[in-house]
């Protein structure tokens, strides 16, 4: 069971991603903002809850040569931290199945 959501409050959350062996995602910010797609994590909520202040771990920095900025990869188990902003309308309700997207 979950505790009721605090109206106009916040809640810190931990988000774990498991990236398959041999694959990677780009950090945020990405190494090359013009060529790499920074990973973004959002939340779809029917209660109006917002996911803010997503913090990414230190990436693995990969040199791509003298003419390109280094790549910033996240691999394996990736742990992000973020904050949920709870609107007053969600007071006392439970968020059953948030739908994170990345």
PDB file of N, CA and C in Angstrom:
ATOM      1  N   UNK A   1       0.838  -1.176   0.000  1.00  0.00           N
ATOM      2  CA  UNK A   1       0.000   0.000   0.000  1.00  0.00           C
ATOM      3  C   UNK A   1       0.879   1.233   0.000  1.00  0.00           C
ATOM      4  N   UNK A   2       0.305   2.331  -0.405  1.00  0.00           N
ATOM      5  CA  UNK A   2       1.052   3.589  -0.482  1.00  0.00           C
ATOM      6  C   UNK A   2       0.430   4.608   0.459  1.00  0.00           C
ATOM      7  N   UNK A   3       1.274   5.496   0.961  1.00  0.00           N
ATOM      8  CA  UNK A   3       0.764   6.584   1.790  1.00  0.00           C
ATOM      9  C   UNK A   3       0.018   7.570   0.906  1.00  0.00           C
ATOM     10  N   UNK A   4      -0.988   8.279   1.462  1.00  0.00           N
ATOM     11  CA  UNK A   4      -1.672   9.308   0.680  1.00  0.00           C
ATOM     12  C   UNK A   4      -0.683  10.394   0.248  1.00  0.00           C
ATOM     13  N   UNK A   5      -0.954  10.990  -0.898  1.00  0.00           N
ATOM     14  CA  UNK A   5      -0.077  12.026  -1.419  1.00  0.00           C
ATOM     15  C   UNK A   5      -0.273  13.330  -0.647  1.00  0.00           C
ATOM     16  N   UNK A   6       0.816  14.025  -0.311  1.00  0.00           N
ATOM     17  CA  UNK A   6       0.694  15.287   0.415  1.00  0.00           C
ATOM     18  C   UNK A   6       0.272  16.417  -0.516  1.00  0.00           C
ATOM     19  N   UNK A   7      -0.805  17.154  -0.207  1.00  0.00           N
ATOM     20  CA  UNK A   7      -1.223  18.241  -1.086  1.00  0.00           C
ATOM     21  C   UNK A   7      -0.169  19.337  -1.147  1.00  0.00           C
ATOM     22  N   UNK A   8       0.086  19.836  -2.338  1.00  0.00           N
ATOM     23  CA  UNK A   8       1.085  20.887  -2.566  1.00  0.00           C
ATOM     24  C   UNK A   8       2.442  20.507  -1.989  1.00  0.00           C
ATOM     25  N   UNK A   9       2.726  19.215  -1.916  1.00  0.00           N
ATOM     26  CA  UNK A   9       3.988  18.745  -1.362  1.00  0.00           C
ATOM     27  C   UNK A   9       4.864  18.136  -2.426  1.00  0.00           C
ATOM     28  N   UNK A  10       5.967  17.580  -1.972  1.00  0.00           N
ATOM     29  CA  UNK A  10       6.902  16.913  -2.868  1.00  0.00           C
ATOM     30  C   UNK A  10       7.279  15.556  -2.277  1.00  0.00           C
ATOM     31  N   UNK A  11       7.792  14.724  -3.138  1.00  0.00           N
ATOM     32  CA  UNK A  11       8.220  13.387  -2.732  1.00  0.00           C
ATOM     33  C   UNK A  11       9.430  13.019  -3.584  1.00  0.00           C
ATOM     34  N   UNK A  12      10.537  12.632  -2.941  1.00  0.00           N
ATOM     35  CA  UNK A  12      11.717  12.201  -3.695  1.00  0.00           C
ATOM     36  C   UNK A  12      11.509  10.765  -4.169  1.00  0.00           C
ATOM     37  N   UNK A  13      11.951  10.483  -5.386  1.00  0.00           N
ATOM     38  CA  UNK A  13      11.818   9.141  -5.948  1.00  0.00           C
ATOM     39  C   UNK A  13      13.142   8.680  -6.540  1.00  0.00           C
ATOM     40  N   UNK A  14      13.290   7.374  -6.575  1.00  0.00           N
ATOM     41  CA  UNK A  14      14.450   6.717  -7.185  1.00  0.00           C
ATOM     42  C   UNK A  14      13.931   5.970  -8.403  1.00  0.00           C
ATOM     43  N   UNK A  15      14.592   6.137  -9.534  1.00  0.00           N
ATOM     44  CA  UNK A  15      14.203   5.487 -10.781  1.00  0.00           C
ATOM     45  C   UNK A  15      15.368   4.608 -11.220  1.00  0.00           C
ATOM     46  N   UNK A  16      15.096   3.316 -11.400  1.00  0.00           N
ATOM     47  CA  UNK A  16      16.141   2.390 -11.834  1.00  0.00           C
ATOM     48  C   UNK A  16      15.870   1.935 -13.265  1.00  0.00           C
ATOM     49  N   UNK A  17      16.889   2.040 -14.095  1.00  0.00           N
ATOM     50  CA  UNK A  17      16.826   1.574 -15.474  1.00  0.00           C
ATOM     51  C   UNK A  17      17.868   0.473 -15.641  1.00  0.00           C
ATOM     52  N   UNK A  18      17.515  -0.575 -16.345  1.00  0.00           N
ATOM     53  CA  UNK A  18      18.475  -1.640 -16.646  1.00  0.00           C
ATOM     54  C   UNK A  18      18.696  -1.618 -18.157  1.00  0.00           C
ATOM     55  N   UNK A  19      19.892  -1.191 -18.565  1.00  0.00           N
ATOM     56  CA  UNK A  19      20.241  -1.090 -19.977  1.00  0.00           C
ATOM     57  C   UNK A  19      20.888  -2.415 -20.385  1.00  0.00           C
ATOM     58  N   UNK A  20      20.362  -3.036 -21.419  1.00  0.00           N
ATOM     59  CA  UNK A  20      20.856  -4.347 -21.869  1.00  0.00           C
ATOM     60  C   UNK A  20      22.345  -4.287 -22.223  1.00  0.00           C
ATOM     61  N   UNK A  21      23.029  -5.378 -21.960  1.00  0.00           N
ATOM     62  CA  UNK A  21      24.463  -5.472 -22.252  1.00  0.00           C
ATOM     63  C   UNK A  21      24.708  -5.173 -23.732  1.00  0.00           C
ATOM     64  N   UNK A  22      25.713  -4.356 -23.981  1.00  0.00           N
ATOM     65  CA  UNK A  22      26.050  -3.976 -25.348  1.00  0.00           C
ATOM     66  C   UNK A  22      25.307  -2.735 -25.832  1.00  0.00           C
ATOM     67  N   UNK A  23      24.410  -2.208 -25.027  1.00  0.00           N
ATOM     68  CA  UNK A  23      23.633  -1.024 -25.381  1.00  0.00           C
ATOM     69  C   UNK A  23      23.968   0.097 -24.410  1.00  0.00           C
ATOM     70  N   UNK A  24      23.573   1.325 -24.769  1.00  0.00           N
ATOM     71  CA  UNK A  24      23.764   2.476 -23.897  1.00  0.00           C
ATOM     72  C   UNK A  24      22.655   3.486 -24.174  1.00  0.00           C
ATOM     73  N   UNK A  25      22.500   4.408 -23.252  1.00  0.00           N
ATOM     74  CA  UNK A  25      21.681   5.599 -23.477  1.00  0.00           C
ATOM     75  C   UNK A  25      22.601   6.788 -23.232  1.00  0.00           C
ATOM     76  N   UNK A  26      22.223   7.931 -23.771  1.00  0.00           N
ATOM     77  CA  UNK A  26      23.032   9.135 -23.557  1.00  0.00           C
ATOM     78  C   UNK A  26      22.633   9.784 -22.237  1.00  0.00           C
ATOM     79  N   UNK A  27      23.619  10.377 -21.601  1.00  0.00           N
ATOM     80  CA  UNK A  27      23.374  11.090 -20.365  1.00  0.00           C
ATOM     81  C   UNK A  27      22.594  12.377 -20.670  1.00  0.00           C
ATOM     82  N   UNK A  28      22.239  13.076 -19.633  1.00  0.00           N
ATOM     83  CA  UNK A  28      21.597  14.379 -19.774  1.00  0.00           C
ATOM     84  C   UNK A  28      22.294  15.331 -18.822  1.00  0.00           C
ATOM     85  N   UNK A  29      23.095  16.265 -19.335  1.00  0.00           N
ATOM     86  CA  UNK A  29      23.203  16.621 -20.748  1.00  0.00           C
ATOM     87  C   UNK A  29      24.036  15.602 -21.537  1.00  0.00           C
ATOM     88  N   UNK A  30      23.764  15.575 -22.845  1.00  0.00           N
ATOM     89  CA  UNK A  30      24.495  14.683 -23.747  1.00  0.00           C
ATOM     90  C   UNK A  30      25.869  15.268 -24.036  1.00  0.00           C
ATOM     91  N   UNK A  31      26.775  14.424 -24.501  1.00  0.00           N
ATOM     92  CA  UNK A  31      28.120  14.896 -24.833  1.00  0.00           C
ATOM     93  C   UNK A  31      28.118  15.902 -25.965  1.00  0.00           C
ATOM     94  N   UNK A  32      27.356  15.631 -27.009  1.00  0.00           N
ATOM     95  CA  UNK A  32      27.240  16.528 -28.156  1.00  0.00           C
ATOM     96  C   UNK A  32      25.777  16.920 -28.309  1.00  0.00           C
ATOM     97  N   UNK A  33      25.394  18.107 -27.825  1.00  0.00           N
ATOM     98  CA  UNK A  33      23.981  18.491 -27.885  1.00  0.00           C
ATOM     99  C   UNK A  33      23.423  18.587 -29.304  1.00  0.00           C
ATOM    100  N   UNK A  34      24.304  18.720 -30.304  1.00  0.00           N
ATOM    101  CA  UNK A  34      23.832  18.791 -31.686  1.00  0.00           C
ATOM    102  C   UNK A  34      23.699  17.418 -32.335  1.00  0.00           C
ATOM    103  N   UNK A  35      24.420  16.404 -31.829  1.00  0.00           N
ATOM    104  CA  UNK A  35      24.399  15.100 -32.478  1.00  0.00           C
ATOM    105  C   UNK A  35      23.859  13.959 -31.630  1.00  0.00           C
ATOM    106  N   UNK A  36      23.908  14.096 -30.316  1.00  0.00           N
ATOM    107  CA  UNK A  36      23.424  13.048 -29.418  1.00  0.00           C
ATOM    108  C   UNK A  36      22.050  13.443 -28.876  1.00  0.00           C
ATOM    109  N   UNK A  37      21.247  12.465 -28.580  1.00  0.00           N
ATOM    110  CA  UNK A  37      19.924  12.720 -28.004  1.00  0.00           C
ATOM    111  C   UNK A  37      19.987  12.468 -26.503  1.00  0.00           C
ATOM    112  N   UNK A  38      19.934  13.538 -25.728  1.00  0.00           N
ATOM    113  CA  UNK A  38      19.963  13.405 -24.274  1.00  0.00           C
ATOM    114  C   UNK A  38      18.739  12.615 -23.816  1.00  0.00           C
ATOM    115  N   UNK A  39      18.942  11.713 -22.878  1.00  0.00           N
ATOM    116  CA  UNK A  39      17.834  10.932 -22.336  1.00  0.00           C
ATOM    117  C   UNK A  39      16.966  11.826 -21.466  1.00  0.00           C
ATOM    118  N   UNK A  40      15.663  11.738 -21.664  1.00  0.00           N
ATOM    119  CA  UNK A  40      14.709  12.488 -20.853  1.00  0.00           C
ATOM    120  C   UNK A  40      13.752  11.505 -20.206  1.00  0.00           C
ATOM    121  N   UNK A  41      13.386  11.774 -18.963  1.00  0.00           N
ATOM    122  CA  UNK A  41      12.432  10.946 -18.241  1.00  0.00           C
ATOM    123  C   UNK A  41      11.262  11.841 -17.861  1.00  0.00           C
ATOM    124  N   UNK A  42      10.051  11.425 -18.220  1.00  0.00           N
ATOM    125  CA  UNK A  42       8.851  12.186 -17.897  1.00  0.00           C
ATOM    126  C   UNK A  42       7.852  11.265 -17.214  1.00  0.00           C
ATOM    127  N   UNK A  43       6.789  11.837 -16.707  1.00  0.00           N
ATOM    128  CA  UNK A  43       5.774  11.061 -16.011  1.00  0.00           C
ATOM    129  C   UNK A  43       4.391  11.463 -16.523  1.00  0.00           C
ATOM    130  N   UNK A  44       3.597  10.482 -16.929  1.00  0.00           N
ATOM    131  CA  UNK A  44       2.200  10.718 -17.303  1.00  0.00           C
ATOM    132  C   UNK A  44       1.359  10.380 -16.077  1.00  0.00           C
ATOM    133  N   UNK A  45       0.589  11.345 -15.579  1.00  0.00           N
ATOM    134  CA  UNK A  45      -0.181  11.131 -14.359  1.00  0.00           C
ATOM    135  C   UNK A  45      -1.576  11.715 -14.509  1.00  0.00           C
ATOM    136  N   UNK A  46      -2.593  10.901 -14.201  1.00  0.00           N
ATOM    137  CA  UNK A  46      -3.961  11.415 -14.246  1.00  0.00           C
ATOM    138  C   UNK A  46      -4.274  12.291 -13.036  1.00  0.00           C
ATOM    139  N   UNK A  47      -3.328  12.401 -12.085  1.00  0.00           N
ATOM    140  CA  UNK A  47      -3.515  13.254 -10.908  1.00  0.00           C
ATOM    141  C   UNK A  47      -2.807  14.597 -11.042  1.00  0.00           C
ATOM    142  N   UNK A  48      -2.141  14.821 -12.168  1.00  0.00           N
ATOM    143  CA  UNK A  48      -1.435  16.082 -12.375  1.00  0.00           C
ATOM    144  C   UNK A  48      -0.090  16.147 -11.668  1.00  0.00           C
ATOM    145  N   UNK A  49       0.441  15.012 -11.273  1.00  0.00           N
ATOM    146  CA  UNK A  49       1.739  14.963 -10.612  1.00  0.00           C
ATOM    147  C   UNK A  49       2.831  15.247 -11.642  1.00  0.00           C
ATOM    148  N   UNK A  50       3.819  16.053 -11.254  1.00  0.00           N
ATOM    149  CA  UNK A  50       4.924  16.394 -12.142  1.00  0.00           C
ATOM    150  C   UNK A  50       6.211  15.760 -11.648  1.00  0.00           C
ATOM    151  N   UNK A  51       7.034  15.294 -12.575  1.00  0.00           N
ATOM    152  CA  UNK A  51       8.360  14.772 -12.276  1.00  0.00           C
ATOM    153  C   UNK A  51       9.351  15.879 -12.593  1.00  0.00           C
ATOM    154  N   UNK A  52      10.097  16.347 -11.576  1.00  0.00           N
ATOM    155  CA  UNK A  52      11.023  17.468 -11.762  1.00  0.00           C
ATOM    156  C   UNK A  52      12.389  17.139 -11.171  1.00  0.00           C
ATOM    157  N   UNK A  53      13.359  17.953 -11.529  1.00  0.00           N
ATOM    158  CA  UNK A  53      14.719  17.850 -10.978  1.00  0.00           C
ATOM    159  C   UNK A  53      15.300  16.443 -11.109  1.00  0.00           C
ATOM    160  N   UNK A  54      15.210  15.875 -12.306  1.00  0.00           N
ATOM    161  CA  UNK A  54      15.767  14.543 -12.545  1.00  0.00           C
ATOM    162  C   UNK A  54      17.294  14.658 -12.547  1.00  0.00           C
ATOM    163  N   UNK A  55      17.934  13.851 -11.703  1.00  0.00           N
ATOM    164  CA  UNK A  55      19.395  13.864 -11.565  1.00  0.00           C
ATOM    165  C   UNK A  55      19.967  12.574 -12.143  1.00  0.00           C
ATOM    166  N   UNK A  56      20.874  12.727 -13.096  1.00  0.00           N
ATOM    167  CA  UNK A  56      21.524  11.590 -13.747  1.00  0.00           C
ATOM    168  C   UNK A  56      22.867  11.307 -13.080  1.00  0.00           C
ATOM    169  N   UNK A  57      23.309  10.032 -13.068  1.00  0.00           N
ATOM    170  CA  UNK A  57      24.621   9.709 -12.509  1.00  0.00           C
ATOM    171  C   UNK A  57      25.738  10.137 -13.452  1.00  0.00           C
ATOM    172  N   UNK A  58      26.959  10.034 -12.952  1.00  0.00           N
ATOM    173  CA  UNK A  58      28.123  10.325 -13.792  1.00  0.00           C
ATOM    174  C   UNK A  58      28.150   9.345 -14.954  1.00  0.00           C
ATOM    175  N   UNK A  59      28.297   9.838 -16.181  1.00  0.00           N
ATOM    176  CA  UNK A  59      28.347   8.940 -17.334  1.00  0.00           C
ATOM    177  C   UNK A  59      29.761   8.405 -17.578  1.00  0.00           C
ATOM    178  N   UNK A  60      29.824   7.406 -18.450  1.00  0.00           N
ATOM    179  CA  UNK A  60      31.123   6.964 -18.971  1.00  0.00           C
ATOM    180  C   UNK A  60      31.427   7.881 -20.146  1.00  0.00           C
ATOM    181  N   UNK A  61      32.556   8.559 -20.090  1.00  0.00           N
ATOM    182  CA  UNK A  61      32.937   9.522 -21.136  1.00  0.00           C
ATOM    183  C   UNK A  61      33.813   8.798 -22.158  1.00  0.00           C
ATOM    184  N   UNK A  62      33.415   8.903 -23.432  1.00  0.00           N
ATOM    185  CA  UNK A  62      34.103   8.203 -24.515  1.00  0.00           C
ATOM    186  C   UNK A  62      34.630   9.223 -25.517  1.00  0.00           C
ATOM    187  N   UNK A  63      35.940   9.184 -25.746  1.00  0.00           N
ATOM    188  CA  UNK A  63      36.569  10.094 -26.701  1.00  0.00           C
ATOM    189  C   UNK A  63      36.188   9.684 -28.119  1.00  0.00           C
ATOM    190  N   UNK A  64      35.751  10.643 -28.915  1.00  0.00           N
ATOM    191  CA  UNK A  64      35.379  10.363 -30.310  1.00  0.00           C
ATOM    192  C   UNK A  64      36.342  11.003 -31.303  1.00  0.00           C
ATOM    193  N   UNK A  65      37.457  11.454 -30.834  1.00  0.00           N
ATOM    194  CA  UNK A  65      38.436  12.051 -31.729  1.00  0.00           C
ATOM    195  C   UNK A  65      38.532  13.549 -31.533  1.00  0.00           C
ATOM    196  N   UNK A  66      39.532  14.163 -32.193  1.00  0.00           N
ATOM    197  CA  UNK A  66      39.818  15.580 -31.950  1.00  0.00           C
ATOM    198  C   UNK A  66      38.752  16.555 -32.457  1.00  0.00           C
ATOM    199  N   UNK A  67      37.935  16.141 -33.404  1.00  0.00           N
ATOM    200  CA  UNK A  67      36.973  17.078 -33.987  1.00  0.00           C
ATOM    201  C   UNK A  67      35.564  16.962 -33.409  1.00  0.00           C
ATOM    202  N   UNK A  68      35.354  16.035 -32.479  1.00  0.00           N
ATOM    203  CA  UNK A  68      34.021  15.839 -31.910  1.00  0.00           C
ATOM    204  C   UNK A  68      34.081  15.892 -30.391  1.00  0.00           C
ATOM    205  N   UNK A  69      33.015  16.398 -29.758  1.00  0.00           N
ATOM    206  CA  UNK A  69      32.986  16.345 -28.296  1.00  0.00           C
ATOM    207  C   UNK A  69      32.844  14.896 -27.834  1.00  0.00           C
ATOM    208  N   UNK A  70      33.299  14.589 -26.630  1.00  0.00           N
ATOM    209  CA  UNK A  70      33.189  13.209 -26.154  1.00  0.00           C
ATOM    210  C   UNK A  70      31.734  12.802 -25.964  1.00  0.00           C
ATOM    211  N   UNK A  71      31.486  11.500 -26.103  1.00  0.00           N
ATOM    212  CA  UNK A  71      30.157  10.942 -25.840  1.00  0.00           C
ATOM    213  C   UNK A  71      30.025  10.732 -24.335  1.00  0.00           C
ATOM    214  N   UNK A  72      28.798  10.792 -23.826  1.00  0.00           N
ATOM    215  CA  UNK A  72      28.528  10.548 -22.407  1.00  0.00           C
ATOM    216  C   UNK A  72      27.477   9.457 -22.324  1.00  0.00           C
ATOM    217  N   UNK A  73      27.939   8.223 -22.031  1.00  0.00           N
ATOM    218  CA  UNK A  73      27.081   7.047 -22.049  1.00  0.00           C
ATOM    219  C   UNK A  73      26.694   6.597 -20.643  1.00  0.00           C
ATOM    220  N   UNK A  74      25.482   6.084 -20.530  1.00  0.00           N
ATOM    221  CA  UNK A  74      25.011   5.395 -19.331  1.00  0.00           C
ATOM    222  C   UNK A  74      24.744   3.957 -19.744  1.00  0.00           C
ATOM    223  N   UNK A  75      25.265   3.014 -18.952  1.00  0.00           N
ATOM    224  CA  UNK A  75      25.176   1.599 -19.306  1.00  0.00           C
ATOM    225  C   UNK A  75      24.853   0.769 -18.072  1.00  0.00           C
ATOM    226  N   UNK A  76      24.347  -0.441 -18.300  1.00  0.00           N
ATOM    227  CA  UNK A  76      24.066  -1.350 -17.190  1.00  0.00           C
ATOM    228  C   UNK A  76      22.931  -0.836 -16.319  1.00  0.00           C
ATOM    229  N   UNK A  77      23.092  -0.966 -15.011  1.00  0.00           N
ATOM    230  CA  UNK A  77      22.072  -0.473 -14.075  1.00  0.00           C
ATOM    231  C   UNK A  77      22.290   1.027 -13.867  1.00  0.00           C
ATOM    232  N   UNK A  78      21.282   1.810 -14.193  1.00  0.00           N
ATOM    233  CA  UNK A  78      21.346   3.264 -14.085  1.00  0.00           C
ATOM    234  C   UNK A  78      20.323   3.705 -13.046  1.00  0.00           C
ATOM    235  N   UNK A  79      20.779   4.472 -12.061  1.00  0.00           N
ATOM    236  CA  UNK A  79      19.878   4.957 -11.012  1.00  0.00           C
ATOM    237  C   UNK A  79      19.778   6.474 -11.119  1.00  0.00           C
ATOM    238  N   UNK A  80      18.537   6.941 -11.286  1.00  0.00           N
ATOM    239  CA  UNK A  80      18.241   8.372 -11.342  1.00  0.00           C
ATOM    240  C   UNK A  80      17.476   8.753 -10.078  1.00  0.00           C
ATOM    241  N   UNK A  81      17.577   9.997  -9.683  1.00  0.00           N
ATOM    242  CA  UNK A  81      16.772  10.513  -8.580  1.00  0.00           C
ATOM    243  C   UNK A  81      15.999  11.710  -9.095  1.00  0.00           C
ATOM    244  N   UNK A  82      14.788  11.892  -8.589  1.00  0.00           N
ATOM    245  CA  UNK A  82      13.942  12.997  -9.033  1.00  0.00           C
ATOM    246  C   UNK A  82      12.982  13.369  -7.911  1.00  0.00           C
ATOM    247  N   UNK A  83      12.203  14.396  -8.159  1.00  0.00           N
ATOM    248  CA  UNK A  83      11.202  14.851  -7.208  1.00  0.00           C
ATOM    249  C   UNK A  83       9.838  14.842  -7.878  1.00  0.00           C
ATOM    250  N   UNK A  84       8.828  14.370  -7.161  1.00  0.00           N
ATOM    251  CA  UNK A  84       7.441  14.472  -7.615  1.00  0.00           C
ATOM    252  C   UNK A  84       6.823  15.700  -6.974  1.00  0.00           C
ATOM    253  N   UNK A  85       6.185  16.540  -7.778  1.00  0.00           N
ATOM    254  CA  UNK A  85       5.426  17.675  -7.266  1.00  0.00           C
ATOM    255  C   UNK A  85       3.959  17.270  -7.249  1.00  0.00           C
ATOM    256  N   UNK A  86       3.344  17.328  -6.068  1.00  0.00           N
ATOM    257  CA  UNK A  86       1.971  16.869  -5.888  1.00  0.00           C
ATOM    258  C   UNK A  86       1.035  18.075  -5.853  1.00  0.00           C
ATOM    259  N   UNK A  87       0.089  18.200  -6.790  1.00  0.00           N
ATOM    260  CA  UNK A  87      -0.846  19.329  -6.756  1.00  0.00           C
ATOM    261  C   UNK A  87      -1.903  19.153  -5.666  1.00  0.00           C
ATOM    262  N   UNK A  88      -2.518  20.239  -5.263  1.00  0.00           N
ATOM    263  CA  UNK A  88      -3.553  20.204  -4.222  1.00  0.00           C
ATOM    264  C   UNK A  88      -4.689  19.257  -4.600  1.00  0.00           C
ATOM    265  N   UNK A  89      -5.032  19.174  -5.895  1.00  0.00           N
ATOM    266  CA  UNK A  89      -6.142  18.324  -6.339  1.00  0.00           C
ATOM    267  C   UNK A  89      -5.879  16.838  -6.088  1.00  0.00           C
ATOM    268  N   UNK A  90      -4.628  16.462  -5.869  1.00  0.00           N
ATOM    269  CA  UNK A  90      -4.285  15.062  -5.642  1.00  0.00           C
ATOM    270  C   UNK A  90      -4.267  14.710  -4.157  1.00  0.00           C
ATOM    271  N   UNK A  91      -4.632  15.647  -3.301  1.00  0.00           N
ATOM    272  CA  UNK A  91      -4.565  15.441  -1.847  1.00  0.00           C
ATOM    273  C   UNK A  91      -5.328  14.187  -1.430  1.00  0.00           C
ATOM    274  N   UNK A  92      -4.673  13.347  -0.665  1.00  0.00           N
ATOM    275  CA  UNK A  92      -5.301  12.162  -0.107  1.00  0.00           C
ATOM    276  C   UNK A  92      -5.524  11.021  -1.075  1.00  0.00           C
ATOM    277  N   UNK A  93      -5.229  11.224  -2.334  1.00  0.00           N
ATOM    278  CA  UNK A  93      -5.416  10.170  -3.322  1.00  0.00           C
ATOM    279  C   UNK A  93      -4.131   9.363  -3.461  1.00  0.00           C
ATOM    280  N   UNK A  94      -4.236   8.197  -4.014  1.00  0.00           N
ATOM    281  CA  UNK A  94      -3.065   7.348  -4.246  1.00  0.00           C
ATOM    282  C   UNK A  94      -2.800   7.253  -5.735  1.00  0.00           C
ATOM    283  N   UNK A  95      -1.538   7.426  -6.090  1.00  0.00           N
ATOM    284  CA  UNK A  95      -1.126   7.220  -7.478  1.00  0.00           C
ATOM    285  C   UNK A  95      -0.830   5.748  -7.636  1.00  0.00           C
ATOM    286  N   UNK A  96      -1.658   5.046  -8.357  1.00  0.00           N
ATOM    287  CA  UNK A  96      -1.538   3.591  -8.445  1.00  0.00           C
ATOM    288  C   UNK A  96      -0.472   3.157  -9.419  1.00  0.00           C
ATOM    289  N   UNK A  97      -0.500   3.686 -10.595  1.00  0.00           N
ATOM    290  CA  UNK A  97       0.373   3.161 -11.624  1.00  0.00           C
ATOM    291  C   UNK A  97       0.921   4.303 -12.465  1.00  0.00           C
ATOM    292  N   UNK A  98       1.889   5.043 -11.924  1.00  0.00           N
ATOM    293  CA  UNK A  98       2.460   6.110 -12.747  1.00  0.00           C
ATOM    294  C   UNK A  98       3.096   5.509 -13.986  1.00  0.00           C
ATOM    295  N   UNK A  99       3.157   6.286 -15.031  1.00  0.00           N
ATOM    296  CA  UNK A  99       3.651   5.795 -16.304  1.00  0.00           C
ATOM    297  C   UNK A  99       4.876   6.597 -16.716  1.00  0.00           C
ATOM    298  N   UNK A 100       6.075   6.190 -16.250  1.00  0.00           N
ATOM    299  CA  UNK A 100       7.270   6.925 -16.651  1.00  0.00           C
ATOM    300  C   UNK A 100       7.586   6.651 -18.105  1.00  0.00           C
ATOM    301  N   UNK A 101       8.169   7.637 -18.759  1.00  0.00           N
ATOM    302  CA  UNK A 101       8.569   7.506 -20.161  1.00  0.00           C
ATOM    303  C   UNK A 101       9.989   8.008 -20.293  1.00  0.00           C
ATOM    304  N   UNK A 102      10.768   7.348 -21.133  1.00  0.00           N
ATOM    305  CA  UNK A 102      12.118   7.795 -21.421  1.00  0.00           C
ATOM    306  C   UNK A 102      12.446   7.534 -22.846  1.00  0.00           C
TER     307      UNK A 102
END
